[in-house]
């Protein structure tokens, strides 16, 4: 027999509610596209009134920009953690390329394509795209500098090496919506080849590298 005692509704703090909204918007952005991030869509996802969403994000453009930032930051942290205590720079760089290849990376590639296109018309999003590009440059540059300090990499300009690698990855990611089954191996490993060349590594040095030993 069902209980007649009404369930107590848990009131979320403003911080928790805002985080929930942004997390939901980021998931929609990553899986369906930034155009699908609207106040009404996110309200429907959370089973709340659109007015609640607009209370935290009066402008849909602000919500779209925040959704992109959160999704992009989450992917960057997954691909290349800021803290890397469990392996060498070579291991983390090889891991980065392994995770950046194939269908698993296509959602984030599509998100970046989407964001760069929409940022032509949305200044708030344009600023966030620039911030995330800078964050990616900085994160990879720091890894390369660490590798140089430890004698694993050789380059006089870690910043330029990082940007060159990311430009190649972006170029490969631009084909996320096309069939790549017949792509030549030299094209498939173009980012690896670029990194090996720019970091003074032998061909194949970033292939079949043991993964960092994460704690159990």
N, C-alpha and C. Protein backbone atom coordinates (compact mmCIF):
# COMPACT_ATOMS: atom_id res chain seq x y z
N UNK A 1 0.86 -1.19 0.00
CA UNK A 1 0.00 0.00 0.00
C UNK A 1 0.89 1.23 0.00
N UNK A 2 0.68 2.16 -0.95
CA UNK A 2 1.55 3.33 -1.03
C UNK A 2 1.41 4.21 0.19
N UNK A 3 2.51 4.82 0.56
CA UNK A 3 2.50 5.71 1.72
C UNK A 3 1.76 6.99 1.39
N UNK A 4 0.97 7.48 2.39
CA UNK A 4 0.24 8.74 2.19
C UNK A 4 1.06 9.93 2.65
N UNK A 5 2.27 9.64 3.16
CA UNK A 5 3.12 10.73 3.63
C UNK A 5 3.80 11.38 2.43
N UNK A 6 3.58 12.68 2.21
CA UNK A 6 4.19 13.33 1.04
C UNK A 6 5.70 13.34 1.15
N UNK A 7 6.34 13.12 -0.01
CA UNK A 7 7.79 13.12 -0.03
C UNK A 7 8.31 14.54 0.17
N UNK A 8 9.29 14.67 1.02
CA UNK A 8 9.87 15.99 1.27
C UNK A 8 10.73 16.39 0.08
N UNK A 9 10.45 17.56 -0.44
CA UNK A 9 11.21 18.04 -1.59
C UNK A 9 12.52 18.67 -1.11
N UNK A 10 13.63 18.21 -1.67
CA UNK A 10 14.93 18.72 -1.27
C UNK A 10 15.24 19.97 -2.09
N UNK A 11 15.44 21.05 -1.39
CA UNK A 11 15.74 22.31 -2.05
C UNK A 11 17.25 22.43 -2.27
N UNK A 12 17.64 22.60 -3.50
CA UNK A 12 19.06 22.67 -3.81
C UNK A 12 19.58 24.09 -3.57
N UNK A 13 20.84 24.16 -3.19
CA UNK A 13 21.47 25.47 -3.03
C UNK A 13 21.62 26.11 -4.41
N UNK A 14 21.71 27.43 -4.47
CA UNK A 14 21.92 28.09 -5.76
C UNK A 14 23.16 27.56 -6.49
N UNK A 15 24.20 27.27 -5.75
CA UNK A 15 25.43 26.77 -6.37
C UNK A 15 25.20 25.39 -6.99
N UNK A 16 24.50 24.53 -6.24
CA UNK A 16 24.24 23.17 -6.73
C UNK A 16 23.30 23.21 -7.93
N UNK A 17 22.30 24.07 -7.89
CA UNK A 17 21.36 24.17 -9.01
C UNK A 17 22.06 24.68 -10.26
N UNK A 18 22.90 25.70 -10.10
CA UNK A 18 23.61 26.24 -11.25
C UNK A 18 24.54 25.18 -11.85
N UNK A 19 25.24 24.45 -10.98
CA UNK A 19 26.14 23.40 -11.45
C UNK A 19 25.37 22.33 -12.22
N UNK A 20 24.19 21.99 -11.74
CA UNK A 20 23.35 20.99 -12.41
C UNK A 20 22.94 21.48 -13.79
N UNK A 21 22.57 22.73 -13.89
CA UNK A 21 22.17 23.31 -15.17
C UNK A 21 23.33 23.27 -16.16
N UNK A 22 24.50 23.69 -15.70
CA UNK A 22 25.67 23.75 -16.58
C UNK A 22 26.10 22.35 -17.00
N UNK A 23 26.10 21.41 -16.07
CA UNK A 23 26.48 20.03 -16.38
C UNK A 23 25.55 19.43 -17.43
N UNK A 24 24.25 19.70 -17.28
CA UNK A 24 23.28 19.19 -18.25
C UNK A 24 23.48 19.83 -19.61
N UNK A 25 23.70 21.14 -19.61
CA UNK A 25 23.93 21.86 -20.87
C UNK A 25 25.20 21.37 -21.56
N UNK A 26 26.23 21.09 -20.79
CA UNK A 26 27.49 20.61 -21.36
C UNK A 26 27.29 19.24 -22.00
N UNK A 27 26.51 18.38 -21.34
CA UNK A 27 26.25 17.05 -21.91
C UNK A 27 25.49 17.16 -23.22
N UNK A 28 24.49 18.02 -23.27
CA UNK A 28 23.73 18.22 -24.51
C UNK A 28 24.63 18.78 -25.60
N UNK A 29 25.47 19.75 -25.23
CA UNK A 29 26.39 20.35 -26.20
C UNK A 29 27.32 19.32 -26.80
N UNK A 30 27.85 18.45 -25.96
CA UNK A 30 28.84 17.48 -26.40
C UNK A 30 28.22 16.39 -27.26
N UNK A 31 27.02 15.98 -26.96
CA UNK A 31 26.41 14.86 -27.67
C UNK A 31 25.49 15.27 -28.82
N UNK A 32 24.94 16.49 -28.75
CA UNK A 32 23.97 16.90 -29.77
C UNK A 32 24.31 18.20 -30.49
N UNK A 33 25.14 19.02 -29.89
CA UNK A 33 25.51 20.28 -30.52
C UNK A 33 25.05 21.49 -29.72
N UNK A 34 25.79 22.58 -29.87
CA UNK A 34 25.49 23.79 -29.11
C UNK A 34 24.15 24.42 -29.48
N UNK A 35 23.70 24.18 -30.71
CA UNK A 35 22.40 24.74 -31.10
C UNK A 35 21.26 24.16 -30.27
N UNK A 36 21.49 22.97 -29.72
CA UNK A 36 20.45 22.32 -28.92
C UNK A 36 20.41 22.83 -27.48
N UNK A 37 21.38 23.65 -27.11
CA UNK A 37 21.41 24.21 -25.76
C UNK A 37 20.55 25.47 -25.75
N UNK A 38 19.29 25.29 -25.36
CA UNK A 38 18.36 26.41 -25.21
C UNK A 38 17.81 26.38 -23.79
N UNK A 39 17.27 27.48 -23.34
CA UNK A 39 16.72 27.53 -21.99
C UNK A 39 15.60 26.51 -21.83
N UNK A 40 14.75 26.39 -22.84
CA UNK A 40 13.64 25.44 -22.76
C UNK A 40 14.13 24.01 -22.78
N UNK A 41 15.12 23.70 -23.62
CA UNK A 41 15.61 22.33 -23.70
C UNK A 41 16.23 21.89 -22.38
N UNK A 42 17.02 22.74 -21.77
CA UNK A 42 17.66 22.38 -20.51
C UNK A 42 16.61 22.28 -19.40
N UNK A 43 15.61 23.13 -19.45
CA UNK A 43 14.51 23.04 -18.48
C UNK A 43 13.79 21.70 -18.62
N UNK A 44 13.54 21.28 -19.86
CA UNK A 44 12.89 20.00 -20.08
C UNK A 44 13.75 18.84 -19.56
N UNK A 45 15.06 18.93 -19.78
CA UNK A 45 15.96 17.88 -19.32
C UNK A 45 15.91 17.74 -17.80
N UNK A 46 15.75 18.86 -17.11
CA UNK A 46 15.77 18.86 -15.65
C UNK A 46 14.37 18.84 -15.04
N UNK A 47 13.35 18.83 -15.92
CA UNK A 47 11.95 18.83 -15.46
C UNK A 47 11.65 20.02 -14.55
N UNK A 48 12.09 21.19 -15.00
CA UNK A 48 11.81 22.43 -14.26
C UNK A 48 11.25 23.44 -15.26
N UNK A 49 10.81 24.57 -14.75
CA UNK A 49 10.29 25.62 -15.61
C UNK A 49 11.43 26.39 -16.27
N UNK A 50 11.25 26.84 -17.51
CA UNK A 50 12.29 27.63 -18.17
C UNK A 50 12.71 28.86 -17.37
N UNK A 51 11.77 29.39 -16.59
CA UNK A 51 12.10 30.57 -15.80
C UNK A 51 13.21 30.31 -14.80
N UNK A 52 13.31 29.06 -14.32
CA UNK A 52 14.38 28.75 -13.38
C UNK A 52 15.73 28.81 -14.08
N UNK A 53 15.79 28.33 -15.32
CA UNK A 53 17.04 28.38 -16.06
C UNK A 53 17.44 29.83 -16.34
N UNK A 54 16.45 30.64 -16.75
CA UNK A 54 16.74 32.04 -17.06
C UNK A 54 17.11 32.85 -15.82
N UNK A 55 16.72 32.35 -14.64
CA UNK A 55 17.13 33.02 -13.40
C UNK A 55 18.65 32.96 -13.26
N UNK A 56 19.24 31.84 -13.65
CA UNK A 56 20.69 31.68 -13.55
C UNK A 56 21.40 32.16 -14.82
N UNK A 57 20.73 32.02 -15.96
CA UNK A 57 21.31 32.43 -17.23
C UNK A 57 20.27 33.24 -18.02
N UNK A 58 20.19 34.55 -17.76
CA UNK A 58 19.20 35.39 -18.45
C UNK A 58 19.34 35.33 -19.97
N UNK A 59 20.55 35.11 -20.45
CA UNK A 59 20.79 35.02 -21.89
C UNK A 59 21.16 33.59 -22.27
N UNK A 60 20.52 33.08 -23.32
CA UNK A 60 20.86 31.75 -23.80
C UNK A 60 22.31 31.70 -24.27
N UNK A 61 22.83 32.81 -24.79
CA UNK A 61 24.22 32.84 -25.24
C UNK A 61 25.18 32.58 -24.08
N UNK A 62 24.84 33.08 -22.90
CA UNK A 62 25.69 32.84 -21.73
C UNK A 62 25.70 31.36 -21.36
N UNK A 63 24.55 30.72 -21.45
CA UNK A 63 24.46 29.30 -21.13
C UNK A 63 25.23 28.47 -22.16
N UNK A 64 25.12 28.83 -23.43
CA UNK A 64 25.85 28.12 -24.48
C UNK A 64 27.35 28.24 -24.25
N UNK A 65 27.81 29.44 -23.93
CA UNK A 65 29.24 29.66 -23.71
C UNK A 65 29.73 28.87 -22.50
N UNK A 66 28.93 28.85 -21.44
CA UNK A 66 29.32 28.11 -20.24
C UNK A 66 29.32 26.61 -20.51
N UNK A 67 28.34 26.14 -21.27
CA UNK A 67 28.28 24.72 -21.61
C UNK A 67 29.51 24.31 -22.41
N UNK A 68 29.89 25.13 -23.36
CA UNK A 68 31.09 24.82 -24.15
C UNK A 68 32.32 24.77 -23.26
N UNK A 69 32.48 25.76 -22.40
CA UNK A 69 33.67 25.82 -21.53
C UNK A 69 33.78 24.60 -20.64
N UNK A 70 32.67 24.20 -20.04
CA UNK A 70 32.69 23.07 -19.13
C UNK A 70 32.98 21.78 -19.90
N UNK A 71 32.35 21.60 -21.05
CA UNK A 71 32.60 20.40 -21.84
C UNK A 71 34.04 20.34 -22.32
N UNK A 72 34.56 21.46 -22.82
CA UNK A 72 35.93 21.50 -23.33
C UNK A 72 36.95 21.29 -22.22
N UNK A 73 36.70 21.91 -21.06
CA UNK A 73 37.62 21.73 -19.94
C UNK A 73 37.62 20.29 -19.46
N UNK A 74 36.44 19.68 -19.40
CA UNK A 74 36.35 18.29 -18.98
C UNK A 74 37.10 17.36 -19.90
N UNK A 75 37.00 17.61 -21.20
CA UNK A 75 37.71 16.78 -22.16
C UNK A 75 39.21 16.98 -22.08
N UNK A 76 39.64 18.24 -21.89
CA UNK A 76 41.07 18.51 -21.76
C UNK A 76 41.64 17.81 -20.53
N UNK A 77 40.91 17.87 -19.43
CA UNK A 77 41.38 17.21 -18.21
C UNK A 77 41.47 15.70 -18.39
N UNK A 78 40.54 15.14 -19.17
CA UNK A 78 40.55 13.70 -19.41
C UNK A 78 41.70 13.30 -20.34
N UNK A 79 41.95 14.13 -21.36
CA UNK A 79 42.99 13.81 -22.33
C UNK A 79 44.39 14.06 -21.79
N UNK A 80 44.54 15.18 -21.08
CA UNK A 80 45.86 15.59 -20.62
C UNK A 80 45.73 16.22 -19.24
N UNK A 81 45.76 15.41 -18.18
CA UNK A 81 45.56 15.94 -16.82
C UNK A 81 46.59 17.02 -16.47
N UNK A 82 46.14 17.99 -15.68
CA UNK A 82 47.05 19.05 -15.25
C UNK A 82 48.11 18.50 -14.31
N UNK A 83 47.73 17.53 -13.48
CA UNK A 83 48.66 16.87 -12.58
C UNK A 83 48.96 15.49 -13.14
N UNK A 84 50.28 15.18 -13.26
CA UNK A 84 50.66 13.92 -13.93
C UNK A 84 51.74 13.20 -13.11
N UNK A 85 51.38 12.73 -11.92
CA UNK A 85 52.40 12.14 -11.04
C UNK A 85 52.70 10.66 -11.28
N UNK A 86 51.97 10.03 -12.19
CA UNK A 86 52.06 8.57 -12.28
C UNK A 86 52.75 8.07 -13.55
N UNK A 87 53.46 8.96 -14.23
CA UNK A 87 54.15 8.52 -15.44
C UNK A 87 55.10 9.59 -15.94
N UNK A 88 55.77 9.30 -17.03
CA UNK A 88 56.72 10.23 -17.62
C UNK A 88 56.00 11.13 -18.62
N UNK A 89 56.62 12.26 -19.01
CA UNK A 89 56.03 13.09 -20.05
C UNK A 89 55.78 12.31 -21.35
N UNK A 90 56.70 11.42 -21.69
CA UNK A 90 56.50 10.61 -22.91
C UNK A 90 55.26 9.74 -22.79
N UNK A 91 55.06 9.14 -21.63
CA UNK A 91 53.87 8.30 -21.43
C UNK A 91 52.59 9.12 -21.53
N UNK A 92 52.58 10.29 -20.92
CA UNK A 92 51.36 11.10 -20.96
C UNK A 92 51.11 11.67 -22.35
N UNK A 93 52.19 11.98 -23.08
CA UNK A 93 51.99 12.47 -24.44
C UNK A 93 51.46 11.35 -25.34
N UNK A 94 52.02 10.16 -25.19
CA UNK A 94 51.53 9.01 -25.97
C UNK A 94 50.07 8.72 -25.63
N UNK A 95 49.73 8.81 -24.35
CA UNK A 95 48.34 8.61 -23.91
C UNK A 95 47.42 9.65 -24.55
N UNK A 96 47.89 10.88 -24.59
CA UNK A 96 47.12 11.98 -25.19
C UNK A 96 46.78 11.68 -26.65
N UNK A 97 47.77 11.23 -27.40
CA UNK A 97 47.52 10.92 -28.80
C UNK A 97 46.61 9.71 -28.95
N UNK A 98 46.78 8.71 -28.10
CA UNK A 98 45.94 7.52 -28.18
C UNK A 98 44.47 7.87 -27.94
N UNK A 99 44.23 8.75 -26.96
CA UNK A 99 42.85 9.14 -26.65
C UNK A 99 42.28 10.11 -27.69
N UNK A 100 43.16 10.79 -28.41
CA UNK A 100 42.72 11.78 -29.39
C UNK A 100 42.45 11.17 -30.77
N UNK A 101 42.59 9.87 -30.88
CA UNK A 101 42.40 9.21 -32.16
C UNK A 101 41.12 8.37 -32.14
N UNK A 102 40.48 8.27 -33.28
CA UNK A 102 39.33 7.38 -33.41
C UNK A 102 38.01 8.02 -33.02
N UNK A 103 36.98 7.18 -33.02
CA UNK A 103 35.62 7.66 -32.84
C UNK A 103 35.36 8.23 -31.46
N UNK A 104 36.08 7.76 -30.45
CA UNK A 104 35.85 8.24 -29.10
C UNK A 104 36.12 9.74 -28.97
N UNK A 105 36.94 10.27 -29.86
CA UNK A 105 37.31 11.69 -29.82
C UNK A 105 36.41 12.55 -30.71
N UNK A 106 35.54 11.90 -31.47
CA UNK A 106 34.76 12.64 -32.46
C UNK A 106 33.80 13.65 -31.83
N UNK A 107 33.21 13.33 -30.69
CA UNK A 107 32.26 14.26 -30.07
C UNK A 107 32.92 15.59 -29.73
N UNK A 108 34.12 15.54 -29.15
CA UNK A 108 34.79 16.79 -28.80
C UNK A 108 35.26 17.53 -30.05
N UNK A 109 35.64 16.78 -31.09
CA UNK A 109 36.02 17.42 -32.35
C UNK A 109 34.83 18.16 -32.94
N UNK A 110 33.67 17.51 -32.91
CA UNK A 110 32.46 18.16 -33.44
C UNK A 110 32.10 19.39 -32.61
N UNK A 111 32.30 19.29 -31.29
CA UNK A 111 31.99 20.43 -30.43
C UNK A 111 32.86 21.63 -30.79
N UNK A 112 34.14 21.40 -31.02
CA UNK A 112 35.03 22.50 -31.39
C UNK A 112 34.65 23.09 -32.76
N UNK A 113 34.34 22.23 -33.71
CA UNK A 113 33.90 22.73 -35.03
C UNK A 113 32.67 23.60 -34.85
N UNK A 114 31.73 23.11 -34.10
CA UNK A 114 30.47 23.79 -33.81
C UNK A 114 30.71 25.14 -33.15
N UNK A 115 31.55 25.14 -32.12
CA UNK A 115 31.80 26.36 -31.35
C UNK A 115 32.51 27.42 -32.19
N UNK A 116 33.47 26.99 -32.98
CA UNK A 116 34.20 27.97 -33.80
C UNK A 116 33.28 28.59 -34.86
N UNK A 117 32.37 27.79 -35.38
CA UNK A 117 31.42 28.34 -36.36
C UNK A 117 30.48 29.33 -35.69
N UNK A 118 29.86 28.93 -34.59
CA UNK A 118 28.90 29.81 -33.92
C UNK A 118 29.55 31.05 -33.33
N UNK A 119 30.83 30.96 -32.99
CA UNK A 119 31.50 32.10 -32.35
C UNK A 119 31.63 33.29 -33.30
N UNK A 120 31.43 33.06 -34.58
CA UNK A 120 31.44 34.19 -35.52
C UNK A 120 30.32 35.17 -35.22
N UNK A 121 29.24 34.65 -34.63
CA UNK A 121 28.06 35.48 -34.40
C UNK A 121 27.76 35.70 -32.92
N UNK A 122 28.49 35.06 -32.05
CA UNK A 122 28.21 35.15 -30.62
C UNK A 122 29.48 35.56 -29.87
N UNK A 123 29.60 36.83 -29.54
CA UNK A 123 30.82 37.33 -28.91
C UNK A 123 31.18 36.63 -27.60
N UNK A 124 30.19 36.29 -26.80
CA UNK A 124 30.49 35.62 -25.53
C UNK A 124 31.13 34.26 -25.79
N UNK A 125 30.59 33.52 -26.74
CA UNK A 125 31.16 32.23 -27.09
C UNK A 125 32.54 32.40 -27.71
N UNK A 126 32.72 33.45 -28.50
CA UNK A 126 34.03 33.70 -29.13
C UNK A 126 35.11 33.86 -28.06
N UNK A 127 34.78 34.57 -26.98
CA UNK A 127 35.75 34.75 -25.90
C UNK A 127 36.08 33.41 -25.22
N UNK A 128 35.05 32.57 -25.05
CA UNK A 128 35.28 31.28 -24.40
C UNK A 128 36.11 30.36 -25.29
N UNK A 129 35.88 30.40 -26.58
CA UNK A 129 36.69 29.59 -27.50
C UNK A 129 38.15 30.00 -27.40
N UNK A 130 38.39 31.31 -27.37
CA UNK A 130 39.77 31.80 -27.25
C UNK A 130 40.40 31.35 -25.93
N UNK A 131 39.63 31.39 -24.85
CA UNK A 131 40.13 30.96 -23.54
C UNK A 131 40.49 29.47 -23.56
N UNK A 132 39.64 28.66 -24.17
CA UNK A 132 39.89 27.23 -24.20
C UNK A 132 41.05 26.88 -25.11
N UNK A 133 41.21 27.60 -26.21
CA UNK A 133 42.37 27.39 -27.08
C UNK A 133 43.65 27.68 -26.31
N UNK A 134 43.65 28.78 -25.56
CA UNK A 134 44.82 29.15 -24.77
C UNK A 134 45.09 28.10 -23.69
N UNK A 135 44.03 27.58 -23.08
CA UNK A 135 44.20 26.55 -22.04
C UNK A 135 44.84 25.30 -22.63
N UNK A 136 44.42 24.91 -23.82
CA UNK A 136 45.00 23.73 -24.47
C UNK A 136 46.47 23.97 -24.82
N UNK A 137 46.76 25.16 -25.36
CA UNK A 137 48.15 25.50 -25.67
C UNK A 137 49.01 25.42 -24.42
N UNK A 138 48.52 26.03 -23.34
CA UNK A 138 49.29 26.07 -22.08
C UNK A 138 49.53 24.68 -21.52
N UNK A 139 48.48 23.85 -21.53
CA UNK A 139 48.58 22.52 -20.93
C UNK A 139 49.62 21.67 -21.68
N UNK A 140 49.56 21.69 -23.01
CA UNK A 140 50.50 20.88 -23.79
C UNK A 140 51.91 21.46 -23.70
N UNK A 141 52.02 22.79 -23.69
CA UNK A 141 53.34 23.40 -23.56
C UNK A 141 54.01 22.99 -22.24
N UNK A 142 53.24 22.98 -21.15
CA UNK A 142 53.80 22.59 -19.86
C UNK A 142 54.31 21.15 -19.88
N UNK A 143 53.56 20.27 -20.52
CA UNK A 143 54.01 18.88 -20.63
C UNK A 143 55.31 18.80 -21.42
N UNK A 144 55.38 19.54 -22.52
CA UNK A 144 56.59 19.50 -23.35
C UNK A 144 57.78 20.08 -22.58
N UNK A 145 57.56 21.17 -21.86
CA UNK A 145 58.65 21.75 -21.06
C UNK A 145 59.15 20.75 -20.01
N UNK A 146 58.22 20.06 -19.40
CA UNK A 146 58.61 19.05 -18.41
C UNK A 146 59.45 17.96 -19.07
N UNK A 147 59.03 17.56 -20.28
CA UNK A 147 59.80 16.55 -21.00
C UNK A 147 61.19 17.02 -21.38
N UNK A 148 61.31 18.31 -21.74
CA UNK A 148 62.62 18.88 -22.07
C UNK A 148 63.51 18.89 -20.82
N UNK A 149 62.93 19.31 -19.68
CA UNK A 149 63.70 19.37 -18.43
C UNK A 149 64.20 18.00 -18.00
N UNK A 150 63.42 16.96 -18.32
CA UNK A 150 63.81 15.60 -17.93
C UNK A 150 64.65 14.90 -19.00
N UNK A 151 64.94 15.61 -20.07
CA UNK A 151 65.78 15.05 -21.11
C UNK A 151 65.07 14.10 -22.06
N UNK A 152 63.73 14.06 -22.01
CA UNK A 152 62.98 13.17 -22.89
C UNK A 152 62.69 13.80 -24.25
N UNK A 153 62.50 15.13 -24.27
CA UNK A 153 62.21 15.84 -25.52
C UNK A 153 63.33 16.85 -25.79
N UNK A 154 63.46 17.21 -27.06
CA UNK A 154 64.43 18.24 -27.45
C UNK A 154 63.75 19.26 -28.35
N UNK A 155 63.60 20.47 -27.85
CA UNK A 155 63.09 21.58 -28.64
C UNK A 155 63.49 22.87 -27.97
N UNK A 156 63.80 23.87 -28.78
CA UNK A 156 64.15 25.18 -28.25
C UNK A 156 62.91 26.04 -28.01
N UNK A 157 61.76 25.60 -28.50
CA UNK A 157 60.55 26.42 -28.41
C UNK A 157 59.34 25.52 -28.11
N UNK A 158 59.14 25.16 -26.84
CA UNK A 158 58.01 24.29 -26.48
C UNK A 158 56.65 24.87 -26.87
N UNK A 159 56.51 26.18 -26.82
CA UNK A 159 55.22 26.79 -27.17
C UNK A 159 54.88 26.54 -28.64
N UNK A 160 55.83 26.80 -29.51
CA UNK A 160 55.58 26.59 -30.93
C UNK A 160 55.35 25.12 -31.24
N UNK A 161 56.10 24.25 -30.59
CA UNK A 161 55.90 22.81 -30.80
C UNK A 161 54.49 22.40 -30.39
N UNK A 162 54.02 22.91 -29.25
CA UNK A 162 52.67 22.59 -28.78
C UNK A 162 51.63 23.06 -29.77
N UNK A 163 51.77 24.28 -30.26
CA UNK A 163 50.77 24.83 -31.19
C UNK A 163 50.77 24.05 -32.51
N UNK A 164 51.95 23.68 -32.99
CA UNK A 164 52.00 22.90 -34.23
C UNK A 164 51.28 21.57 -34.08
N UNK A 165 51.49 20.90 -32.96
CA UNK A 165 50.83 19.62 -32.70
C UNK A 165 49.31 19.81 -32.65
N UNK A 166 48.86 20.85 -31.96
CA UNK A 166 47.43 21.07 -31.81
C UNK A 166 46.77 21.47 -33.13
N UNK A 167 47.49 22.21 -33.94
CA UNK A 167 46.95 22.58 -35.26
C UNK A 167 46.72 21.33 -36.11
N UNK A 168 47.66 20.39 -36.06
CA UNK A 168 47.49 19.14 -36.82
C UNK A 168 46.31 18.34 -36.27
N UNK A 169 46.21 18.24 -34.94
CA UNK A 169 45.07 17.53 -34.34
C UNK A 169 43.75 18.18 -34.72
N UNK A 170 43.71 19.51 -34.72
CA UNK A 170 42.50 20.22 -35.13
C UNK A 170 42.15 19.90 -36.58
N UNK A 171 43.17 19.89 -37.43
CA UNK A 171 42.93 19.61 -38.84
C UNK A 171 42.38 18.21 -39.04
N UNK A 172 42.92 17.24 -38.33
CA UNK A 172 42.41 15.88 -38.43
C UNK A 172 41.00 15.79 -37.85
N UNK A 173 40.76 16.51 -36.75
CA UNK A 173 39.44 16.49 -36.13
C UNK A 173 38.36 17.13 -36.97
N UNK A 174 38.76 17.99 -37.92
CA UNK A 174 37.78 18.65 -38.79
C UNK A 174 37.05 17.66 -39.68
N UNK A 175 37.58 16.44 -39.78
CA UNK A 175 36.95 15.40 -40.61
C UNK A 175 36.12 14.44 -39.77
N UNK A 176 35.71 14.87 -38.58
CA UNK A 176 34.97 13.98 -37.67
C UNK A 176 33.64 13.51 -38.27
N UNK A 177 33.10 14.25 -39.21
CA UNK A 177 31.80 13.89 -39.78
C UNK A 177 31.91 13.13 -41.10
N UNK A 178 33.12 12.78 -41.49
CA UNK A 178 33.30 12.09 -42.78
C UNK A 178 33.89 10.70 -42.57
N UNK A 179 33.77 9.88 -43.57
CA UNK A 179 34.30 8.52 -43.52
C UNK A 179 35.82 8.56 -43.65
N UNK A 180 36.50 8.01 -42.67
CA UNK A 180 37.97 8.03 -42.68
C UNK A 180 38.55 6.63 -42.79
N UNK A 181 37.72 5.68 -43.20
CA UNK A 181 38.17 4.28 -43.22
C UNK A 181 39.29 4.05 -44.23
N UNK A 182 39.36 4.85 -45.28
CA UNK A 182 40.39 4.66 -46.31
C UNK A 182 41.54 5.66 -46.16
N UNK A 183 41.63 6.30 -45.01
CA UNK A 183 42.68 7.29 -44.80
C UNK A 183 44.05 6.59 -44.74
N UNK A 184 45.04 7.09 -45.48
CA UNK A 184 46.39 6.47 -45.44
C UNK A 184 46.98 6.56 -44.03
N UNK A 185 47.81 5.59 -43.70
CA UNK A 185 48.41 5.55 -42.36
C UNK A 185 49.23 6.80 -42.09
N UNK A 186 49.90 7.31 -43.12
CA UNK A 186 50.72 8.51 -42.93
C UNK A 186 49.87 9.70 -42.49
N UNK A 187 48.62 9.73 -42.95
CA UNK A 187 47.71 10.80 -42.54
C UNK A 187 47.18 10.52 -41.13
N UNK A 188 46.84 9.27 -40.87
CA UNK A 188 46.30 8.89 -39.56
C UNK A 188 47.26 9.25 -38.44
N UNK A 189 48.56 9.04 -38.68
CA UNK A 189 49.53 9.31 -37.63
C UNK A 189 50.24 10.67 -37.81
N UNK A 190 49.62 11.57 -38.55
CA UNK A 190 50.27 12.85 -38.85
C UNK A 190 50.60 13.64 -37.59
N UNK A 191 49.69 13.62 -36.60
CA UNK A 191 49.96 14.34 -35.36
C UNK A 191 51.14 13.72 -34.61
N UNK A 192 51.19 12.39 -34.58
CA UNK A 192 52.32 11.70 -33.96
C UNK A 192 53.63 12.04 -34.66
N UNK A 193 53.61 12.01 -35.99
CA UNK A 193 54.81 12.31 -36.76
C UNK A 193 55.28 13.73 -36.50
N UNK A 194 54.33 14.66 -36.41
CA UNK A 194 54.67 16.06 -36.12
C UNK A 194 55.32 16.18 -34.75
N UNK A 195 54.73 15.52 -33.76
CA UNK A 195 55.28 15.58 -32.41
C UNK A 195 56.67 14.97 -32.35
N UNK A 196 56.84 13.83 -32.99
CA UNK A 196 58.16 13.17 -32.97
C UNK A 196 59.21 14.06 -33.63
N UNK A 197 58.84 14.69 -34.72
CA UNK A 197 59.79 15.57 -35.42
C UNK A 197 60.13 16.80 -34.58
N UNK A 198 59.08 17.45 -34.03
CA UNK A 198 59.31 18.70 -33.29
C UNK A 198 59.97 18.49 -31.94
N UNK A 199 59.88 17.28 -31.40
CA UNK A 199 60.43 17.01 -30.07
C UNK A 199 61.70 16.19 -30.13
N UNK A 200 62.25 16.02 -31.33
CA UNK A 200 63.52 15.32 -31.46
C UNK A 200 63.45 13.85 -31.14
N UNK A 201 62.31 13.23 -31.44
CA UNK A 201 62.12 11.81 -31.14
C UNK A 201 62.24 10.97 -32.42
N UNK A 202 62.63 9.73 -32.25
CA UNK A 202 62.69 8.82 -33.39
C UNK A 202 61.28 8.47 -33.85
N UNK A 203 61.17 8.15 -35.13
CA UNK A 203 59.87 7.73 -35.66
C UNK A 203 59.36 6.51 -34.89
N UNK A 204 58.13 6.59 -34.42
CA UNK A 204 57.55 5.48 -33.68
C UNK A 204 57.78 5.55 -32.18
N UNK A 205 58.47 6.60 -31.73
CA UNK A 205 58.80 6.70 -30.29
C UNK A 205 57.56 6.90 -29.43
N UNK A 206 56.47 7.39 -30.02
CA UNK A 206 55.25 7.64 -29.26
C UNK A 206 54.19 6.56 -29.50
N UNK A 207 54.59 5.51 -30.19
CA UNK A 207 53.68 4.39 -30.43
C UNK A 207 53.99 3.26 -29.45
N UNK A 208 52.96 2.56 -29.03
CA UNK A 208 53.13 1.40 -28.13
C UNK A 208 53.92 1.74 -26.87
N UNK A 209 53.65 2.94 -26.32
CA UNK A 209 54.28 3.35 -25.06
C UNK A 209 53.39 2.90 -23.92
N UNK A 210 53.95 2.27 -22.87
CA UNK A 210 53.13 1.85 -21.73
C UNK A 210 52.38 3.03 -21.13
N UNK A 211 51.14 2.79 -20.72
CA UNK A 211 50.33 3.86 -20.15
C UNK A 211 50.86 4.24 -18.76
N UNK A 212 50.61 5.48 -18.31
CA UNK A 212 50.99 5.85 -16.96
C UNK A 212 50.35 4.90 -15.95
N UNK A 213 51.05 4.59 -14.89
CA UNK A 213 50.55 3.65 -13.89
C UNK A 213 49.67 4.38 -12.89
N UNK A 214 48.36 4.40 -13.16
CA UNK A 214 47.42 5.07 -12.27
C UNK A 214 47.32 4.30 -10.96
N UNK A 215 47.10 5.00 -9.84
CA UNK A 215 47.02 4.32 -8.55
C UNK A 215 45.81 3.41 -8.48
N UNK A 216 45.92 2.29 -7.77
CA UNK A 216 44.82 1.33 -7.66
C UNK A 216 43.90 1.74 -6.53
